[in-house]
Amino acid sequence: MSALENVLNTVRIVLVQTYHPGNIGAIARAMKTMGLNELYLVDPRNYPAEEASSRAAGALDVLNNATVVETLAEALSDCTQVFAT
């Protein structure tokens, strides 16, 4: 495993209270393109959903391995550095 792959494996993407399931799928697809694989969903409004799966297009592994939690604190509990937008 390369140094870049090691770094990418430490990145977690967290989506909070996602309203539209298509956005979850689109994020999974973008993550896969960038070599990221750890997706956390905090209290998503509608997940799992067919639209999330169809928008994931080629990134179903990222989507299917997403961790769903109830609070942001749970999603970040073992993180040492957090950046938010």
PDB file of N, CA and C in Angstrom:
ATOM      1  N   MET A   1       0.845  -1.174   0.000  1.00  0.00           N
ATOM      2  CA  MET A   1       0.000   0.000   0.000  1.00  0.00           C
ATOM      3  C   MET A   1       0.897   1.246   0.000  1.00  0.00           C
ATOM      4  N   SER A   2       0.568   2.184  -0.855  1.00  0.00           N
ATOM      5  CA  SER A   2       1.381   3.398  -0.964  1.00  0.00           C
ATOM      6  C   SER A   2       1.095   4.350   0.188  1.00  0.00           C
ATOM      7  N   ALA A   3       1.965   5.327   0.349  1.00  0.00           N
ATOM      8  CA  ALA A   3       1.789   6.331   1.400  1.00  0.00           C
ATOM      9  C   ALA A   3       0.493   7.102   1.185  1.00  0.00           C
ATOM     10  N   LEU A   4       0.161   7.409  -0.079  1.00  0.00           N
ATOM     11  CA  LEU A   4      -1.074   8.126  -0.370  1.00  0.00           C
ATOM     12  C   LEU A   4      -2.292   7.300   0.018  1.00  0.00           C
ATOM     13  N   GLU A   5      -2.278   6.017  -0.289  1.00  0.00           N
ATOM     14  CA  GLU A   5      -3.392   5.145   0.094  1.00  0.00           C
ATOM     15  C   GLU A   5      -3.537   5.086   1.605  1.00  0.00           C
ATOM     16  N   ASN A   6      -2.410   5.070   2.320  1.00  0.00           N
ATOM     17  CA  ASN A   6      -2.463   5.078   3.779  1.00  0.00           C
ATOM     18  C   ASN A   6      -3.138   6.339   4.290  1.00  0.00           C
ATOM     19  N   VAL A   7      -2.803   7.473   3.724  1.00  0.00           N
ATOM     20  CA  VAL A   7      -3.412   8.744   4.144  1.00  0.00           C
ATOM     21  C   VAL A   7      -4.895   8.754   3.810  1.00  0.00           C
ATOM     22  N   LEU A   8      -5.260   8.340   2.602  1.00  0.00           N
ATOM     23  CA  LEU A   8      -6.667   8.341   2.197  1.00  0.00           C
ATOM     24  C   LEU A   8      -7.515   7.433   3.079  1.00  0.00           C
ATOM     25  N   ASN A   9      -6.923   6.366   3.590  1.00  0.00           N
ATOM     26  CA  ASN A   9      -7.661   5.470   4.472  1.00  0.00           C
ATOM     27  C   ASN A   9      -7.940   6.069   5.842  1.00  0.00           C
ATOM     28  N   THR A  10      -7.347   7.221   6.147  1.00  0.00           N
ATOM     29  CA  THR A  10      -7.599   7.867   7.430  1.00  0.00           C
ATOM     30  C   THR A  10      -8.637   8.982   7.316  1.00  0.00           C
ATOM     31  N   VAL A  11      -9.112   9.252   6.110  1.00  0.00           N
ATOM     32  CA  VAL A  11     -10.078  10.330   5.894  1.00  0.00           C
ATOM     33  C   VAL A  11     -11.490   9.776   6.016  1.00  0.00           C
ATOM     34  N   ARG A  12     -12.320  10.464   6.790  1.00  0.00           N
ATOM     35  CA  ARG A  12     -13.720  10.090   6.961  1.00  0.00           C
ATOM     36  C   ARG A  12     -14.584  11.247   6.487  1.00  0.00           C
ATOM     37  N   ILE A  13     -15.539  10.946   5.643  1.00  0.00           N
ATOM     38  CA  ILE A  13     -16.509  11.941   5.202  1.00  0.00           C
ATOM     39  C   ILE A  13     -17.777  11.745   6.030  1.00  0.00           C
ATOM     40  N   VAL A  14     -18.275  12.833   6.615  1.00  0.00           N
ATOM     41  CA  VAL A  14     -19.461  12.774   7.467  1.00  0.00           C
ATOM     42  C   VAL A  14     -20.519  13.707   6.892  1.00  0.00           C
ATOM     43  N   LEU A  15     -21.690  13.157   6.616  1.00  0.00           N
ATOM     44  CA  LEU A  15     -22.829  13.951   6.164  1.00  0.00           C
ATOM     45  C   LEU A  15     -23.847  14.000   7.297  1.00  0.00           C
ATOM     46  N   VAL A  16     -24.334  15.194   7.597  1.00  0.00           N
ATOM     47  CA  VAL A  16     -25.235  15.369   8.733  1.00  0.00           C
ATOM     48  C   VAL A  16     -26.648  15.694   8.248  1.00  0.00           C
ATOM     49  N   GLN A  17     -27.594  14.895   8.672  1.00  0.00           N
ATOM     50  CA  GLN A  17     -29.022  15.065   8.375  1.00  0.00           C
ATOM     51  C   GLN A  17     -29.274  15.348   6.901  1.00  0.00           C
ATOM     52  N   THR A  18     -28.716  14.514   6.067  1.00  0.00           N
ATOM     53  CA  THR A  18     -28.876  14.665   4.622  1.00  0.00           C
ATOM     54  C   THR A  18     -30.350  14.541   4.265  1.00  0.00           C
ATOM     55  N   TYR A  19     -30.849  15.519   3.541  1.00  0.00           N
ATOM     56  CA  TYR A  19     -32.262  15.594   3.200  1.00  0.00           C
ATOM     57  C   TYR A  19     -32.606  14.731   1.986  1.00  0.00           C
ATOM     58  N   HIS A  20     -31.795  14.796   0.945  1.00  0.00           N
ATOM     59  CA  HIS A  20     -32.099  14.120  -0.319  1.00  0.00           C
ATOM     60  C   HIS A  20     -31.201  12.890  -0.486  1.00  0.00           C
ATOM     61  N   PRO A  21     -31.761  11.696  -0.635  1.00  0.00           N
ATOM     62  CA  PRO A  21     -30.937  10.490  -0.735  1.00  0.00           C
ATOM     63  C   PRO A  21     -30.018  10.483  -1.963  1.00  0.00           C
ATOM     64  N   GLY A  22     -30.399  11.181  -3.023  1.00  0.00           N
ATOM     65  CA  GLY A  22     -29.534  11.255  -4.196  1.00  0.00           C
ATOM     66  C   GLY A  22     -28.199  11.890  -3.878  1.00  0.00           C
ATOM     67  N   ASN A  23     -28.197  12.833  -2.942  1.00  0.00           N
ATOM     68  CA  ASN A  23     -26.946  13.474  -2.542  1.00  0.00           C
ATOM     69  C   ASN A  23     -26.002  12.488  -1.863  1.00  0.00           C
ATOM     70  N   ILE A  24     -26.553  11.560  -1.115  1.00  0.00           N
ATOM     71  CA  ILE A  24     -25.725  10.533  -0.460  1.00  0.00           C
ATOM     72  C   ILE A  24     -25.036   9.682  -1.518  1.00  0.00           C
ATOM     73  N   GLY A  25     -25.789   9.270  -2.528  1.00  0.00           N
ATOM     74  CA  GLY A  25     -25.207   8.473  -3.610  1.00  0.00           C
ATOM     75  C   GLY A  25     -24.157   9.240  -4.384  1.00  0.00           C
ATOM     76  N   ALA A  26     -24.424  10.515  -4.649  1.00  0.00           N
ATOM     77  CA  ALA A  26     -23.459  11.343  -5.381  1.00  0.00           C
ATOM     78  C   ALA A  26     -22.170  11.510  -4.589  1.00  0.00           C
ATOM     79  N   ILE A  27     -22.282  11.661  -3.292  1.00  0.00           N
ATOM     80  CA  ILE A  27     -21.089  11.784  -2.440  1.00  0.00           C
ATOM     81  C   ILE A  27     -20.299  10.483  -2.468  1.00  0.00           C
ATOM     82  N   ALA A  28     -20.994   9.351  -2.392  1.00  0.00           N
ATOM     83  CA  ALA A  28     -20.305   8.049  -2.452  1.00  0.00           C
ATOM     84  C   ALA A  28     -19.536   7.925  -3.759  1.00  0.00           C
ATOM     85  N   ARG A  29     -20.146   8.335  -4.861  1.00  0.00           N
ATOM     86  CA  ARG A  29     -19.488   8.267  -6.170  1.00  0.00           C
ATOM     87  C   ARG A  29     -18.259   9.177  -6.208  1.00  0.00           C
ATOM     88  N   ALA A  30     -18.393  10.395  -5.700  1.00  0.00           N
ATOM     89  CA  ALA A  30     -17.256  11.321  -5.666  1.00  0.00           C
ATOM     90  C   ALA A  30     -16.137  10.778  -4.783  1.00  0.00           C
ATOM     91  N   MET A  31     -16.502  10.192  -3.644  1.00  0.00           N
ATOM     92  CA  MET A  31     -15.502   9.615  -2.752  1.00  0.00           C
ATOM     93  C   MET A  31     -14.722   8.522  -3.450  1.00  0.00           C
ATOM     94  N   LYS A  32     -15.423   7.636  -4.134  1.00  0.00           N
ATOM     95  CA  LYS A  32     -14.777   6.518  -4.836  1.00  0.00           C
ATOM     96  C   LYS A  32     -13.782   7.054  -5.870  1.00  0.00           C
ATOM     97  N   THR A  33     -14.179   8.104  -6.588  1.00  0.00           N
ATOM     98  CA  THR A  33     -13.313   8.714  -7.603  1.00  0.00           C
ATOM     99  C   THR A  33     -12.027   9.240  -6.978  1.00  0.00           C
ATOM    100  N   MET A  34     -12.120   9.739  -5.743  1.00  0.00           N
ATOM    101  CA  MET A  34     -10.956  10.321  -5.075  1.00  0.00           C
ATOM    102  C   MET A  34     -10.197   9.323  -4.210  1.00  0.00           C
ATOM    103  N   GLY A  35     -10.633   8.071  -4.183  1.00  0.00           N
ATOM    104  CA  GLY A  35      -9.938   7.050  -3.410  1.00  0.00           C
ATOM    105  C   GLY A  35     -10.309   7.023  -1.936  1.00  0.00           C
ATOM    106  N   LEU A  36     -11.442   7.630  -1.584  1.00  0.00           N
ATOM    107  CA  LEU A  36     -11.912   7.633  -0.201  1.00  0.00           C
ATOM    108  C   LEU A  36     -12.965   6.551  -0.030  1.00  0.00           C
ATOM    109  N   ASN A  37     -13.069   5.988   1.180  1.00  0.00           N
ATOM    110  CA  ASN A  37     -14.048   4.922   1.356  1.00  0.00           C
ATOM    111  C   ASN A  37     -14.806   4.937   2.668  1.00  0.00           C
ATOM    112  N   GLU A  38     -14.491   5.830   3.581  1.00  0.00           N
ATOM    113  CA  GLU A  38     -15.154   5.826   4.886  1.00  0.00           C
ATOM    114  C   GLU A  38     -16.210   6.929   4.956  1.00  0.00           C
ATOM    115  N   LEU A  39     -17.474   6.522   4.827  1.00  0.00           N
ATOM    116  CA  LEU A  39     -18.611   7.437   4.826  1.00  0.00           C
ATOM    117  C   LEU A  39     -19.455   7.211   6.073  1.00  0.00           C
ATOM    118  N   TYR A  40     -19.719   8.301   6.798  1.00  0.00           N
ATOM    119  CA  TYR A  40     -20.604   8.265   7.953  1.00  0.00           C
ATOM    120  C   TYR A  40     -21.812   9.141   7.660  1.00  0.00           C
ATOM    121  N   LEU A  41     -22.986   8.646   7.988  1.00  0.00           N
ATOM    122  CA  LEU A  41     -24.228   9.383   7.804  1.00  0.00           C
ATOM    123  C   LEU A  41     -24.856   9.624   9.169  1.00  0.00           C
ATOM    124  N   VAL A  42     -25.029  10.885   9.507  1.00  0.00           N
ATOM    125  CA  VAL A  42     -25.626  11.242  10.795  1.00  0.00           C
ATOM    126  C   VAL A  42     -27.106  11.530  10.569  1.00  0.00           C
ATOM    127  N   ASP A  43     -27.952  10.701  11.126  1.00  0.00           N
ATOM    128  CA  ASP A  43     -29.400  10.894  11.103  1.00  0.00           C
ATOM    129  C   ASP A  43     -29.922  11.303   9.726  1.00  0.00           C
ATOM    130  N   PRO A  44     -29.646  10.480   8.681  1.00  0.00           N
ATOM    131  CA  PRO A  44     -30.134  10.837   7.351  1.00  0.00           C
ATOM    132  C   PRO A  44     -31.659  10.752   7.302  1.00  0.00           C
ATOM    133  N   ARG A  45     -32.263  11.625   6.544  1.00  0.00           N
ATOM    134  CA  ARG A  45     -33.724  11.669   6.482  1.00  0.00           C
ATOM    135  C   ARG A  45     -34.309  10.448   5.777  1.00  0.00           C
ATOM    136  N   ASN A  46     -33.661   9.993   4.711  1.00  0.00           N
ATOM    137  CA  ASN A  46     -34.201   8.880   3.933  1.00  0.00           C
ATOM    138  C   ASN A  46     -33.051   8.007   3.440  1.00  0.00           C
ATOM    139  N   TYR A  47     -32.697   7.017   4.228  1.00  0.00           N
ATOM    140  CA  TYR A  47     -31.613   6.105   3.864  1.00  0.00           C
ATOM    141  C   TYR A  47     -31.808   4.801   4.612  1.00  0.00           C
ATOM    142  N   PRO A  48     -31.637   3.665   3.980  1.00  0.00           N
ATOM    143  CA  PRO A  48     -31.262   3.474   2.585  1.00  0.00           C
ATOM    144  C   PRO A  48     -32.411   3.856   1.649  1.00  0.00           C
ATOM    145  N   ALA A  49     -32.034   4.169   0.412  1.00  0.00           N
ATOM    146  CA  ALA A  49     -33.021   4.571  -0.587  1.00  0.00           C
ATOM    147  C   ALA A  49     -32.529   4.190  -1.975  1.00  0.00           C
ATOM    148  N   GLU A  50     -33.447   3.830  -2.830  1.00  0.00           N
ATOM    149  CA  GLU A  50     -33.113   3.446  -4.205  1.00  0.00           C
ATOM    150  C   GLU A  50     -32.376   4.569  -4.931  1.00  0.00           C
ATOM    151  N   GLU A  51     -32.783   5.808  -4.699  1.00  0.00           N
ATOM    152  CA  GLU A  51     -32.136   6.922  -5.389  1.00  0.00           C
ATOM    153  C   GLU A  51     -30.668   7.062  -4.983  1.00  0.00           C
ATOM    154  N   ALA A  52     -30.356   6.805  -3.737  1.00  0.00           N
ATOM    155  CA  ALA A  52     -28.954   6.842  -3.305  1.00  0.00           C
ATOM    156  C   ALA A  52     -28.153   5.790  -4.053  1.00  0.00           C
ATOM    157  N   SER A  53     -28.717   4.597  -4.165  1.00  0.00           N
ATOM    158  CA  SER A  53     -28.023   3.517  -4.868  1.00  0.00           C
ATOM    159  C   SER A  53     -27.831   3.823  -6.346  1.00  0.00           C
ATOM    160  N   SER A  54     -28.853   4.357  -6.989  1.00  0.00           N
ATOM    161  CA  SER A  54     -28.726   4.645  -8.421  1.00  0.00           C
ATOM    162  C   SER A  54     -27.742   5.779  -8.686  1.00  0.00           C
ATOM    163  N   ARG A  55     -27.667   6.752  -7.797  1.00  0.00           N
ATOM    164  CA  ARG A  55     -26.729   7.865  -7.981  1.00  0.00           C
ATOM    165  C   ARG A  55     -25.300   7.473  -7.614  1.00  0.00           C
ATOM    166  N   ALA A  56     -25.123   6.384  -6.873  1.00  0.00           N
ATOM    167  CA  ALA A  56     -23.780   5.956  -6.475  1.00  0.00           C
ATOM    168  C   ALA A  56     -22.981   5.420  -7.657  1.00  0.00           C
ATOM    169  N   ALA A  57     -23.633   4.941  -8.696  1.00  0.00           N
ATOM    170  CA  ALA A  57     -23.028   4.501  -9.958  1.00  0.00           C
ATOM    171  C   ALA A  57     -21.562   4.085  -9.862  1.00  0.00           C
ATOM    172  N   GLY A  58     -21.326   2.835  -9.538  1.00  0.00           N
ATOM    173  CA  GLY A  58     -19.961   2.324  -9.469  1.00  0.00           C
ATOM    174  C   GLY A  58     -19.330   2.446  -8.097  1.00  0.00           C
ATOM    175  N   ALA A  59     -20.049   3.024  -7.159  1.00  0.00           N
ATOM    176  CA  ALA A  59     -19.515   3.200  -5.800  1.00  0.00           C
ATOM    177  C   ALA A  59     -20.449   2.575  -4.765  1.00  0.00           C
ATOM    178  N   LEU A  60     -21.127   1.513  -5.161  1.00  0.00           N
ATOM    179  CA  LEU A  60     -22.031   0.860  -4.212  1.00  0.00           C
ATOM    180  C   LEU A  60     -21.282   0.306  -3.008  1.00  0.00           C
ATOM    181  N   ASP A  61     -20.013  -0.058  -3.187  1.00  0.00           N
ATOM    182  CA  ASP A  61     -19.237  -0.547  -2.051  1.00  0.00           C
ATOM    183  C   ASP A  61     -19.100   0.534  -0.984  1.00  0.00           C
ATOM    184  N   VAL A  62     -18.835   1.764  -1.396  1.00  0.00           N
ATOM    185  CA  VAL A  62     -18.735   2.880  -0.438  1.00  0.00           C
ATOM    186  C   VAL A  62     -20.089   3.090   0.232  1.00  0.00           C
ATOM    187  N   LEU A  63     -21.143   3.109  -0.562  1.00  0.00           N
ATOM    188  CA  LEU A  63     -22.489   3.339  -0.045  1.00  0.00           C
ATOM    189  C   LEU A  63     -22.921   2.230   0.897  1.00  0.00           C
ATOM    190  N   ASN A  64     -22.707   0.996   0.500  1.00  0.00           N
ATOM    191  CA  ASN A  64     -23.147  -0.143   1.319  1.00  0.00           C
ATOM    192  C   ASN A  64     -22.350  -0.290   2.611  1.00  0.00           C
ATOM    193  N   ASN A  65     -21.149   0.266   2.656  1.00  0.00           N
ATOM    194  CA  ASN A  65     -20.336   0.202   3.868  1.00  0.00           C
ATOM    195  C   ASN A  65     -20.451   1.449   4.730  1.00  0.00           C
ATOM    196  N   ALA A  66     -21.356   2.353   4.353  1.00  0.00           N
ATOM    197  CA  ALA A  66     -21.545   3.575   5.136  1.00  0.00           C
ATOM    198  C   ALA A  66     -22.007   3.211   6.554  1.00  0.00           C
ATOM    199  N   THR A  67     -21.537   3.990   7.502  1.00  0.00           N
ATOM    200  CA  THR A  67     -21.940   3.816   8.892  1.00  0.00           C
ATOM    201  C   THR A  67     -22.990   4.862   9.214  1.00  0.00           C
ATOM    202  N   VAL A  68     -24.147   4.425   9.700  1.00  0.00           N
ATOM    203  CA  VAL A  68     -25.227   5.341  10.057  1.00  0.00           C
ATOM    204  C   VAL A  68     -25.257   5.479  11.574  1.00  0.00           C
ATOM    205  N   VAL A  69     -25.204   6.723  12.046  1.00  0.00           N
ATOM    206  CA  VAL A  69     -25.242   7.008  13.479  1.00  0.00           C
ATOM    207  C   VAL A  69     -26.303   8.075  13.745  1.00  0.00           C
ATOM    208  N   GLU A  70     -26.648   8.253  15.001  1.00  0.00           N
ATOM    209  CA  GLU A  70     -27.696   9.208  15.353  1.00  0.00           C
ATOM    210  C   GLU A  70     -27.185  10.614  15.610  1.00  0.00           C
ATOM    211  N   THR A  71     -25.916  10.736  16.059  1.00  0.00           N
ATOM    212  CA  THR A  71     -25.417  12.066  16.421  1.00  0.00           C
ATOM    213  C   THR A  71     -24.047  12.341  15.793  1.00  0.00           C
ATOM    214  N   LEU A  72     -23.756  13.613  15.643  1.00  0.00           N
ATOM    215  CA  LEU A  72     -22.442  14.018  15.139  1.00  0.00           C
ATOM    216  C   LEU A  72     -21.350  13.567  16.096  1.00  0.00           C
ATOM    217  N   ALA A  73     -21.612  13.620  17.379  1.00  0.00           N
ATOM    218  CA  ALA A  73     -20.624  13.175  18.371  1.00  0.00           C
ATOM    219  C   ALA A  73     -20.226  11.715  18.137  1.00  0.00           C
ATOM    220  N   GLU A  74     -21.188  10.873  17.792  1.00  0.00           N
ATOM    221  CA  GLU A  74     -20.880   9.472  17.487  1.00  0.00           C
ATOM    222  C   GLU A  74     -19.993   9.359  16.252  1.00  0.00           C
ATOM    223  N   ALA A  75     -20.280  10.147  15.235  1.00  0.00           N
ATOM    224  CA  ALA A  75     -19.518  10.082  13.984  1.00  0.00           C
ATOM    225  C   ALA A  75     -18.079  10.536  14.176  1.00  0.00           C
ATOM    226  N   LEU A  76     -17.857  11.418  15.124  1.00  0.00           N
ATOM    227  CA  LEU A  76     -16.522  11.996  15.325  1.00  0.00           C
ATOM    228  C   LEU A  76     -15.808  11.458  16.559  1.00  0.00           C
ATOM    229  N   SER A  77     -16.408  10.505  17.239  1.00  0.00           N
ATOM    230  CA  SER A  77     -15.884  10.068  18.536  1.00  0.00           C
ATOM    231  C   SER A  77     -14.436   9.614  18.516  1.00  0.00           C
ATOM    232  N   ASP A  78     -13.968   9.004  17.455  1.00  0.00           N
ATOM    233  CA  ASP A  78     -12.583   8.526  17.414  1.00  0.00           C
ATOM    234  C   ASP A  78     -11.713   9.337  16.449  1.00  0.00           C
ATOM    235  N   CYS A  79     -12.180  10.510  16.060  1.00  0.00           N
ATOM    236  CA  CYS A  79     -11.392  11.379  15.166  1.00  0.00           C
ATOM    237  C   CYS A  79     -10.450  12.265  15.991  1.00  0.00           C
ATOM    238  N   THR A  80      -9.272  12.524  15.450  1.00  0.00           N
ATOM    239  CA  THR A  80      -8.313  13.361  16.160  1.00  0.00           C
ATOM    240  C   THR A  80      -8.206  14.762  15.557  1.00  0.00           C
ATOM    241  N   GLN A  81      -8.654  14.910  14.332  1.00  0.00           N
ATOM    242  CA  GLN A  81      -8.615  16.205  13.666  1.00  0.00           C
ATOM    243  C   GLN A  81      -9.848  16.294  12.764  1.00  0.00           C
ATOM    244  N   VAL A  82     -10.585  17.424  12.864  1.00  0.00           N
ATOM    245  CA  VAL A  82     -11.841  17.563  12.126  1.00  0.00           C
ATOM    246  C   VAL A  82     -11.834  18.870  11.363  1.00  0.00           C
ATOM    247  N   PHE A  83     -12.263  18.801  10.095  1.00  0.00           N
ATOM    248  CA  PHE A  83     -12.443  19.985   9.252  1.00  0.00           C
ATOM    249  C   PHE A  83     -13.888  19.987   8.806  1.00  0.00           C
ATOM    250  N   ALA A  84     -14.551  21.119   8.878  1.00  0.00           N
ATOM    251  CA  ALA A  84     -15.980  21.169   8.535  1.00  0.00           C
ATOM    252  C   ALA A  84     -16.266  22.277   7.542  1.00  0.00           C
ATOM    253  N   THR A  85     -17.272  22.037   6.721  1.00  0.00           N
ATOM    254  CA  THR A  85     -17.741  23.078   5.812  1.00  0.00           C
ATOM    255  C   THR A  85     -19.255  23.136   5.889  1.00  0.00           C
TER     256      THR A  85
END
